Each structure stands twice: as structure tokens, then as C-alpha cells.
Amino acid sequence: MNFQSLEPSLNKSQFKRKTKRLEQDVLRMGALVEKSFRLSHQALFERQLSLVNEVTLLDKEIDRFQKHIELECVALISLESPVAQELRLLSASMQLVRDLERIGDYAKDLGEIAVKIFPYPRHSCLGEIEAMSNHAQAMLASSLEALADLNAVAGKQVKQLDNTVDRAYQRIYQTLAYQKDISGFIEPILLMVLVIRHLERMADHATNIGQRVGYIVTGTR
């Protein structure tokens, strides 16, 4: 985006239109990240490897959204000097899209792991990992719904959901790390450890999004 394309000063209605368009772009980016997470889940747990390429393409589109939104935020903050909730919305949006971009990156990584783990027999922990993934996706959906509604209470509640993912991570990690009598290759064990680590981080970023919604609305972190 060319900053010079923005007028030096926008009237109130123009500024409102631009911030509204920005909010819509953030939600569109969020929808892409949700889709990417869902497809990577299907590739990994339903062995639909044909979806991996689509996840890779989505990641590029997500990256483009991030750059566009960050530039828009910087331009509006620099040229319009917003205050109060408007400033919080713009500054939080810059952080929000970084959280979303990281979730998208992890989704792409999960797709790549799906390809690597495909030749191996299904591990007994995979069902529990799938449940962990479903919970992390639900957290992302809840945080984005809170963002769409600017619901501070719902945003902060996402943090409570994170405890379930953290407990699942610890439980599954212990199972994988201390598994005895491993026959065959160790690679699928290592890949599953990587999967649960990615899922735990994706849930953390979903929590961040919910917390940022609370900040936009209330001004407190």
C-alpha cells in the first residue's frame, strides 16, 4: 500500500469507514486462518493429503492480508492520531494479525507433518491429539466471534479454555516421551510431539486474540 494514497486528514465519517473496512479485513483474514487450520486437521487426522497444497496457498494469502492490514494500521495511526478505543483498535489489530499469521504458519506445518507421518501406522495417541486439535480450533472460533462482536467478556473467557489444551499437551507428551518398547521407526513419535507443540502454541495465539478483544473494549490488559 502507498501511504500517499491516504489523504493527509480524513473527516470523521471517512475515518470510520476506513476503520470499519479494516475490521472486516481482519475478520476475513481470521476466516482464512480458520479454514487453513481445518484443512490441516483433515490432512493430518483424516489422511486427506490432497488438502496440503491448498493449505500452502492459503498461507500465502494470509501473509498478504497481514502485510496489508499492518500498513493500513500504521498509516491511520500516523496520519490521523486516533485516541481512546479507536487507537486501541488499530494497535491491537496489528498484534491480532500477527497472532493469526502464526496460527496460519503452524497450520501449514501441520500439513507438512501429515505428509511425513502418512506412511506410518496410526498411533494409539492420535485420537487424543485429534481431540486436542478440535479444542484448539474451537478456541480460535470463540476468539474470532468475540472479536466480531467486540465482546470483552467472551474474549477473556477464551483463556479459561486454554487450560484444557495445556493439560492435553502435558498428558500426551508424557505418554510419547516415556513410551517403552518402541518397535520400528522413532520418527512418527517425534512428529507427534511436534504436532502437540504446534497445537499448544496455536491455542496460545487464540488466547492472545481473545485478550486483545478485551483490551480494545475496556482499555485494560
C-alpha atoms as a PDB file:
ATOM      1  CA  MET A   1       0.000   0.000   0.000  1.00  0.00           C
ATOM      2  CA  ASN A   2       1.204   3.532  -0.794  1.00  0.00           C
ATOM      3  CA  PHE A   3       0.796   5.801   2.234  1.00  0.00           C
ATOM      4  CA  GLN A   4       0.453   8.769  -0.113  1.00  0.00           C
ATOM      5  CA  SER A   5      -2.833   7.313  -1.314  1.00  0.00           C
ATOM      6  CA  LEU A   6      -4.336   8.353   2.011  1.00  0.00           C
ATOM      7  CA  GLU A   7      -5.421  11.950   2.367  1.00  0.00           C
ATOM      8  CA  PRO A   8      -3.442  13.905   4.981  1.00  0.00           C
ATOM      9  CA  SER A   9      -6.566  14.220   7.063  1.00  0.00           C
ATOM     10  CA  LEU A  10      -9.838  12.329   6.911  1.00  0.00           C
ATOM     11  CA  ASN A  11     -13.112  13.617   8.226  1.00  0.00           C
ATOM     12  CA  LYS A  12     -14.808  11.578  10.931  1.00  0.00           C
ATOM     13  CA  SER A  13     -17.070   9.613   8.613  1.00  0.00           C
ATOM     14  CA  GLN A  14     -14.186   8.747   6.269  1.00  0.00           C
ATOM     15  CA  PHE A  15     -12.093   7.573   9.191  1.00  0.00           C
ATOM     16  CA  LYS A  16     -14.969   5.441  10.466  1.00  0.00           C
ATOM     17  CA  ARG A  17     -15.368   3.847   7.028  1.00  0.00           C
ATOM     18  CA  LYS A  18     -11.669   3.024   6.836  1.00  0.00           C
ATOM     19  CA  THR A  19     -11.556   1.514  10.313  1.00  0.00           C
ATOM     20  CA  LYS A  20     -14.711  -0.484   9.557  1.00  0.00           C
ATOM     21  CA  ARG A  21     -13.114  -1.814   6.379  1.00  0.00           C
ATOM     22  CA  LEU A  22     -10.028  -2.675   8.405  1.00  0.00           C
ATOM     23  CA  GLU A  23     -12.111  -4.621  10.930  1.00  0.00           C
ATOM     24  CA  GLN A  24     -13.710  -6.552   8.073  1.00  0.00           C
ATOM     25  CA  ASP A  25     -10.284  -7.360   6.621  1.00  0.00           C
ATOM     26  CA  VAL A  26      -9.124  -8.720   9.980  1.00  0.00           C
ATOM     27  CA  LEU A  27     -12.204 -10.946  10.168  1.00  0.00           C
ATOM     28  CA  ARG A  28     -11.676 -12.107   6.580  1.00  0.00           C
ATOM     29  CA  MET A  29      -8.101 -12.989   7.477  1.00  0.00           C
ATOM     30  CA  GLY A  30      -9.418 -14.818  10.531  1.00  0.00           C
ATOM     31  CA  ALA A  31     -11.786 -16.841   8.344  1.00  0.00           C
ATOM     32  CA  LEU A  32      -8.861 -17.872   6.126  1.00  0.00           C
ATOM     33  CA  VAL A  33      -6.867 -18.963   9.164  1.00  0.00           C
ATOM     34  CA  GLU A  34      -9.830 -20.990  10.441  1.00  0.00           C
ATOM     35  CA  LYS A  35     -10.096 -22.688   7.067  1.00  0.00           C
ATOM     36  CA  SER A  36      -6.368 -23.396   6.968  1.00  0.00           C
ATOM     37  CA  PHE A  37      -6.494 -24.935  10.455  1.00  0.00           C
ATOM     38  CA  ARG A  38      -9.497 -27.084   9.493  1.00  0.00           C
ATOM     39  CA  LEU A  39      -7.868 -28.352   6.293  1.00  0.00           C
ATOM     40  CA  SER A  40      -4.595 -29.169   8.007  1.00  0.00           C
ATOM     41  CA  HIS A  41      -6.595 -31.073  10.638  1.00  0.00           C
ATOM     42  CA  GLN A  42      -8.293 -33.094   7.899  1.00  0.00           C
ATOM     43  CA  ALA A  43      -4.976 -33.749   6.178  1.00  0.00           C
ATOM     44  CA  LEU A  44      -3.399 -34.980   9.395  1.00  0.00           C
ATOM     45  CA  PHE A  45      -6.170 -36.945  11.068  1.00  0.00           C
ATOM     46  CA  GLU A  46      -8.288 -37.978   8.087  1.00  0.00           C
ATOM     47  CA  ARG A  47      -5.231 -38.541   5.861  1.00  0.00           C
ATOM     48  CA  GLN A  48      -6.550 -36.237   3.130  1.00  0.00           C
ATOM     49  CA  LEU A  49      -3.164 -35.285   1.755  1.00  0.00           C
ATOM     50  CA  SER A  50      -4.720 -33.614  -1.299  1.00  0.00           C
ATOM     51  CA  LEU A  51      -5.588 -30.697   1.014  1.00  0.00           C
ATOM     52  CA  VAL A  52      -1.979 -29.891   1.896  1.00  0.00           C
ATOM     53  CA  ASN A  53      -1.373 -27.833  -1.234  1.00  0.00           C
ATOM     54  CA  GLU A  54      -4.480 -25.745  -0.511  1.00  0.00           C
ATOM     55  CA  VAL A  55      -3.151 -25.034   2.986  1.00  0.00           C
ATOM     56  CA  THR A  56       0.120 -23.811   1.451  1.00  0.00           C
ATOM     57  CA  LEU A  57      -1.759 -21.470  -0.889  1.00  0.00           C
ATOM     58  CA  LEU A  58      -3.911 -20.197   1.970  1.00  0.00           C
ATOM     59  CA  ASP A  59      -0.772 -19.407   3.965  1.00  0.00           C
ATOM     60  CA  LYS A  60       0.420 -17.079   1.213  1.00  0.00           C
ATOM     61  CA  GLU A  61      -2.935 -15.299   1.149  1.00  0.00           C
ATOM     62  CA  ILE A  62      -2.873 -14.984   4.936  1.00  0.00           C
ATOM     63  CA  ASP A  63       0.590 -13.413   4.753  1.00  0.00           C
ATOM     64  CA  ARG A  64      -0.670 -10.876   2.199  1.00  0.00           C
ATOM     65  CA  PHE A  65      -3.566  -9.944   4.466  1.00  0.00           C
ATOM     66  CA  GLN A  66      -1.196  -9.437   7.387  1.00  0.00           C
ATOM     67  CA  LYS A  67       1.058  -7.061   5.479  1.00  0.00           C
ATOM     68  CA  HIS A  68      -1.878  -5.092   4.076  1.00  0.00           C
ATOM     69  CA  ILE A  69      -3.576  -4.701   7.456  1.00  0.00           C
ATOM     70  CA  GLU A  70      -0.381  -3.686   9.241  1.00  0.00           C
ATOM     71  CA  LEU A  71       0.301  -0.997   6.643  1.00  0.00           C
ATOM     72  CA  GLU A  72      -3.260   0.309   6.922  1.00  0.00           C
ATOM     73  CA  CYS A  73      -2.976   0.489  10.706  1.00  0.00           C
ATOM     74  CA  VAL A  74       0.349   2.309  10.613  1.00  0.00           C
ATOM     75  CA  ALA A  75      -0.997   4.802   8.073  1.00  0.00           C
ATOM     76  CA  LEU A  76      -4.160   5.557  10.045  1.00  0.00           C
ATOM     77  CA  ILE A  77      -2.283   5.923  13.326  1.00  0.00           C
ATOM     78  CA  SER A  78       0.402   8.139  11.764  1.00  0.00           C
ATOM     79  CA  LEU A  79      -1.894  10.407   9.771  1.00  0.00           C
ATOM     80  CA  GLU A  80      -4.991  10.627  11.953  1.00  0.00           C
ATOM     81  CA  SER A  81      -3.650  10.411  15.525  1.00  0.00           C
ATOM     82  CA  PRO A  82      -6.659   8.464  16.834  1.00  0.00           C
ATOM     83  CA  VAL A  83      -7.411   8.311  20.546  1.00  0.00           C
ATOM     84  CA  ALA A  84      -9.150   6.036  23.047  1.00  0.00           C
ATOM     85  CA  GLN A  85     -10.894   2.969  21.598  1.00  0.00           C
ATOM     86  CA  GLU A  86     -10.029   3.849  18.003  1.00  0.00           C
ATOM     87  CA  LEU A  87      -6.326   3.859  18.848  1.00  0.00           C
ATOM     88  CA  ARG A  88      -6.683   0.635  20.824  1.00  0.00           C
ATOM     89  CA  LEU A  89      -8.478  -0.976  17.888  1.00  0.00           C
ATOM     90  CA  LEU A  90      -5.702  -0.083  15.452  1.00  0.00           C
ATOM     91  CA  SER A  91      -2.802  -1.022  17.732  1.00  0.00           C
ATOM     92  CA  ALA A  92      -4.488  -4.276  18.810  1.00  0.00           C
ATOM     93  CA  SER A  93      -5.293  -5.131  15.190  1.00  0.00           C
ATOM     94  CA  MET A  94      -1.587  -5.037  14.349  1.00  0.00           C
ATOM     95  CA  GLN A  95      -0.959  -7.557  17.126  1.00  0.00           C
ATOM     96  CA  LEU A  96      -4.034  -9.621  16.257  1.00  0.00           C
ATOM     97  CA  VAL A  97      -2.932 -10.238  12.703  1.00  0.00           C
ATOM     98  CA  ARG A  98       0.453 -11.426  13.926  1.00  0.00           C
ATOM     99  CA  ASP A  99      -1.312 -13.988  16.107  1.00  0.00           C
ATOM    100  CA  LEU A 100      -3.439 -15.051  13.154  1.00  0.00           C
ATOM    101  CA  GLU A 101      -0.414 -15.267  10.863  1.00  0.00           C
ATOM    102  CA  ARG A 102       1.389 -17.507  13.339  1.00  0.00           C
ATOM    103  CA  ILE A 103      -1.621 -19.836  13.577  1.00  0.00           C
ATOM    104  CA  GLY A 104      -1.606 -19.982   9.781  1.00  0.00           C
ATOM    105  CA  ASP A 105       2.094 -20.867   9.807  1.00  0.00           C
ATOM    106  CA  TYR A 106       1.501 -23.671  12.277  1.00  0.00           C
ATOM    107  CA  ALA A 107      -1.389 -24.955  10.140  1.00  0.00           C
ATOM    108  CA  LYS A 108       0.946 -25.129   7.155  1.00  0.00           C
ATOM    109  CA  ASP A 109       3.473 -27.006   9.297  1.00  0.00           C
ATOM    110  CA  LEU A 110       0.776 -29.482  10.355  1.00  0.00           C
ATOM    111  CA  GLY A 111       0.019 -30.120   6.700  1.00  0.00           C
ATOM    112  CA  GLU A 112       3.672 -30.870   6.044  1.00  0.00           C
ATOM    113  CA  ILE A 113       3.764 -33.228   9.039  1.00  0.00           C
ATOM    114  CA  ALA A 114       0.673 -35.006   7.649  1.00  0.00           C
ATOM    115  CA  VAL A 115       2.686 -35.921   4.555  1.00  0.00           C
ATOM    116  CA  LYS A 116       5.657 -37.171   6.599  1.00  0.00           C
ATOM    117  CA  ILE A 117       3.589 -39.244   9.021  1.00  0.00           C
ATOM    118  CA  PHE A 118       1.292 -40.748   6.369  1.00  0.00           C
ATOM    119  CA  PRO A 119       3.381 -43.898   5.643  1.00  0.00           C
ATOM    120  CA  TYR A 120       3.400 -44.965   9.298  1.00  0.00           C
ATOM    121  CA  PRO A 121       0.682 -46.953  11.099  1.00  0.00           C
ATOM    122  CA  ARG A 122      -1.819 -44.908  13.116  1.00  0.00           C
ATOM    123  CA  HIS A 123      -0.515 -44.387  16.665  1.00  0.00           C
ATOM    124  CA  SER A 124      -2.758 -45.003  19.674  1.00  0.00           C
ATOM    125  CA  CYS A 125      -2.305 -41.366  20.816  1.00  0.00           C
ATOM    126  CA  LEU A 126      -3.634 -39.921  17.585  1.00  0.00           C
ATOM    127  CA  GLY A 127      -7.266 -39.875  18.730  1.00  0.00           C
ATOM    128  CA  GLU A 128      -6.346 -37.845  21.802  1.00  0.00           C
ATOM    129  CA  ILE A 129      -4.262 -35.472  19.679  1.00  0.00           C
ATOM    130  CA  GLU A 130      -7.226 -35.059  17.331  1.00  0.00           C
ATOM    131  CA  ALA A 131      -9.418 -34.052  20.291  1.00  0.00           C
ATOM    132  CA  MET A 132      -6.744 -31.517  21.283  1.00  0.00           C
ATOM    133  CA  SER A 133      -6.824 -30.095  17.758  1.00  0.00           C
ATOM    134  CA  ASN A 134     -10.620 -29.840  17.837  1.00  0.00           C
ATOM    135  CA  HIS A 135     -10.437 -27.925  21.101  1.00  0.00           C
ATOM    136  CA  ALA A 136      -7.811 -25.516  19.753  1.00  0.00           C
ATOM    137  CA  GLN A 137      -9.997 -24.873  16.698  1.00  0.00           C
ATOM    138  CA  ALA A 138     -12.967 -24.159  18.955  1.00  0.00           C
ATOM    139  CA  MET A 139     -10.825 -21.658  20.865  1.00  0.00           C
ATOM    140  CA  LEU A 140      -9.922 -19.880  17.627  1.00  0.00           C
ATOM    141  CA  ALA A 141     -13.580 -19.753  16.592  1.00  0.00           C
ATOM    142  CA  SER A 142     -14.567 -18.340  20.010  1.00  0.00           C
ATOM    143  CA  SER A 143     -11.881 -15.665  19.916  1.00  0.00           C
ATOM    144  CA  LEU A 144     -12.892 -14.568  16.410  1.00  0.00           C
ATOM    145  CA  GLU A 145     -16.556 -14.472  17.405  1.00  0.00           C
ATOM    146  CA  ALA A 146     -15.628 -12.285  20.381  1.00  0.00           C
ATOM    147  CA  LEU A 147     -13.681 -10.045  18.001  1.00  0.00           C
ATOM    148  CA  ALA A 148     -16.589  -9.756  15.558  1.00  0.00           C
ATOM    149  CA  ASP A 149     -18.944  -8.783  18.395  1.00  0.00           C
ATOM    150  CA  LEU A 150     -16.309  -6.798  20.337  1.00  0.00           C
ATOM    151  CA  ASN A 151     -17.376  -8.853  23.344  1.00  0.00           C
ATOM    152  CA  ALA A 152     -14.766  -8.349  26.066  1.00  0.00           C
ATOM    153  CA  VAL A 153     -16.252 -10.967  28.393  1.00  0.00           C
ATOM    154  CA  ALA A 154     -16.271 -13.658  25.707  1.00  0.00           C
ATOM    155  CA  GLY A 155     -12.739 -12.673  24.698  1.00  0.00           C
ATOM    156  CA  LYS A 156     -11.377 -13.116  28.201  1.00  0.00           C
ATOM    157  CA  GLN A 157     -13.179 -16.448  28.619  1.00  0.00           C
ATOM    158  CA  VAL A 158     -11.051 -17.968  25.846  1.00  0.00           C
ATOM    159  CA  LYS A 159      -8.132 -18.015  28.298  1.00  0.00           C
ATOM    160  CA  GLN A 160     -10.073 -20.427  30.527  1.00  0.00           C
ATOM    161  CA  LEU A 161     -10.436 -22.849  27.606  1.00  0.00           C
ATOM    162  CA  ASP A 162      -6.673 -22.890  27.159  1.00  0.00           C
ATOM    163  CA  ASN A 163      -6.243 -24.968  30.321  1.00  0.00           C
ATOM    164  CA  THR A 164      -7.774 -27.985  28.563  1.00  0.00           C
ATOM    165  CA  VAL A 165      -5.223 -27.781  25.748  1.00  0.00           C
ATOM    166  CA  ASP A 166      -2.348 -27.312  28.196  1.00  0.00           C
ATOM    167  CA  ARG A 167      -3.400 -30.379  30.190  1.00  0.00           C
ATOM    168  CA  ALA A 168      -3.751 -32.420  26.990  1.00  0.00           C
ATOM    169  CA  TYR A 169      -0.275 -31.348  25.905  1.00  0.00           C
ATOM    170  CA  GLN A 170       1.285 -32.425  29.195  1.00  0.00           C
ATOM    171  CA  ARG A 171      -0.575 -35.741  29.241  1.00  0.00           C
ATOM    172  CA  ILE A 172       0.190 -36.700  25.637  1.00  0.00           C
ATOM    173  CA  TYR A 173       3.794 -35.540  25.892  1.00  0.00           C
ATOM    174  CA  GLN A 174       4.335 -37.761  28.914  1.00  0.00           C
ATOM    175  CA  THR A 175       2.825 -40.711  27.051  1.00  0.00           C
ATOM    176  CA  LEU A 176       5.021 -40.183  23.992  1.00  0.00           C
ATOM    177  CA  ALA A 177       8.215 -39.298  25.832  1.00  0.00           C
ATOM    178  CA  TYR A 178       8.135 -42.287  28.136  1.00  0.00           C
ATOM    179  CA  GLN A 179       6.788 -44.843  25.701  1.00  0.00           C
ATOM    180  CA  LYS A 180       8.597 -48.153  26.124  1.00  0.00           C
ATOM    181  CA  ASP A 181       9.340 -50.992  23.769  1.00  0.00           C
ATOM    182  CA  ILE A 182       9.209 -48.851  20.628  1.00  0.00           C
ATOM    183  CA  SER A 183       9.430 -51.110  17.613  1.00  0.00           C
ATOM    184  CA  GLY A 184      10.357 -49.679  14.242  1.00  0.00           C
ATOM    185  CA  PHE A 185      10.976 -46.035  13.480  1.00  0.00           C
ATOM    186  CA  ILE A 186      11.053 -43.255  16.068  1.00  0.00           C
ATOM    187  CA  GLU A 187      10.185 -40.538  13.522  1.00  0.00           C
ATOM    188  CA  PRO A 188       6.381 -40.741  13.994  1.00  0.00           C
ATOM    189  CA  ILE A 189       6.847 -40.247  17.754  1.00  0.00           C
ATOM    190  CA  LEU A 190       8.928 -37.135  17.151  1.00  0.00           C
ATOM    191  CA  LEU A 191       6.412 -35.834  14.625  1.00  0.00           C
ATOM    192  CA  MET A 192       3.536 -36.266  17.066  1.00  0.00           C
ATOM    193  CA  VAL A 193       5.474 -34.388  19.742  1.00  0.00           C
ATOM    194  CA  LEU A 194       5.877 -31.588  17.199  1.00  0.00           C
ATOM    195  CA  VAL A 195       2.138 -31.701  16.418  1.00  0.00           C
ATOM    196  CA  ILE A 196       1.070 -31.275  20.038  1.00  0.00           C
ATOM    197  CA  ARG A 197       3.592 -28.463  20.486  1.00  0.00           C
ATOM    198  CA  HIS A 198       2.142 -26.671  17.448  1.00  0.00           C
ATOM    199  CA  LEU A 199      -1.405 -27.168  18.717  1.00  0.00           C
ATOM    200  CA  GLU A 200      -0.470 -25.818  22.137  1.00  0.00           C
ATOM    201  CA  ARG A 201       1.032 -22.703  20.526  1.00  0.00           C
ATOM    202  CA  MET A 202      -1.996 -22.253  18.251  1.00  0.00           C
ATOM    203  CA  ALA A 203      -4.227 -22.311  21.324  1.00  0.00           C
ATOM    204  CA  ASP A 204      -1.962 -19.722  22.981  1.00  0.00           C
ATOM    205  CA  HIS A 205      -2.347 -17.405  19.999  1.00  0.00           C
ATOM    206  CA  ALA A 206      -6.135 -17.885  20.067  1.00  0.00           C
ATOM    207  CA  THR A 207      -5.995 -16.890  23.750  1.00  0.00           C
ATOM    208  CA  ASN A 208      -3.994 -13.789  22.817  1.00  0.00           C
ATOM    209  CA  ILE A 209      -6.682 -12.777  20.327  1.00  0.00           C
ATOM    210  CA  GLY A 210      -9.361 -13.073  22.990  1.00  0.00           C
ATOM    211  CA  GLN A 211      -7.298 -10.996  25.423  1.00  0.00           C
ATOM    212  CA  ARG A 212      -6.750  -8.315  22.795  1.00  0.00           C
ATOM    213  CA  VAL A 213     -10.518  -8.054  22.295  1.00  0.00           C
ATOM    214  CA  GLY A 214     -10.828  -7.271  25.998  1.00  0.00           C
ATOM    215  CA  TYR A 215      -8.167  -4.583  25.643  1.00  0.00           C
ATOM    216  CA  ILE A 216      -9.907  -2.966  22.661  1.00  0.00           C
ATOM    217  CA  VAL A 217     -13.179  -2.683  24.566  1.00  0.00           C
ATOM    218  CA  THR A 218     -12.024  -1.899  28.114  1.00  0.00           C
ATOM    219  CA  GLY A 219      -8.528  -0.490  27.733  1.00  0.00           C
ATOM    220  CA  THR A 220      -7.173  -2.951  30.314  1.00  0.00           C
ATOM    221  CA  ARG A 221      -4.964  -5.950  29.606  1.00  0.00           C
END
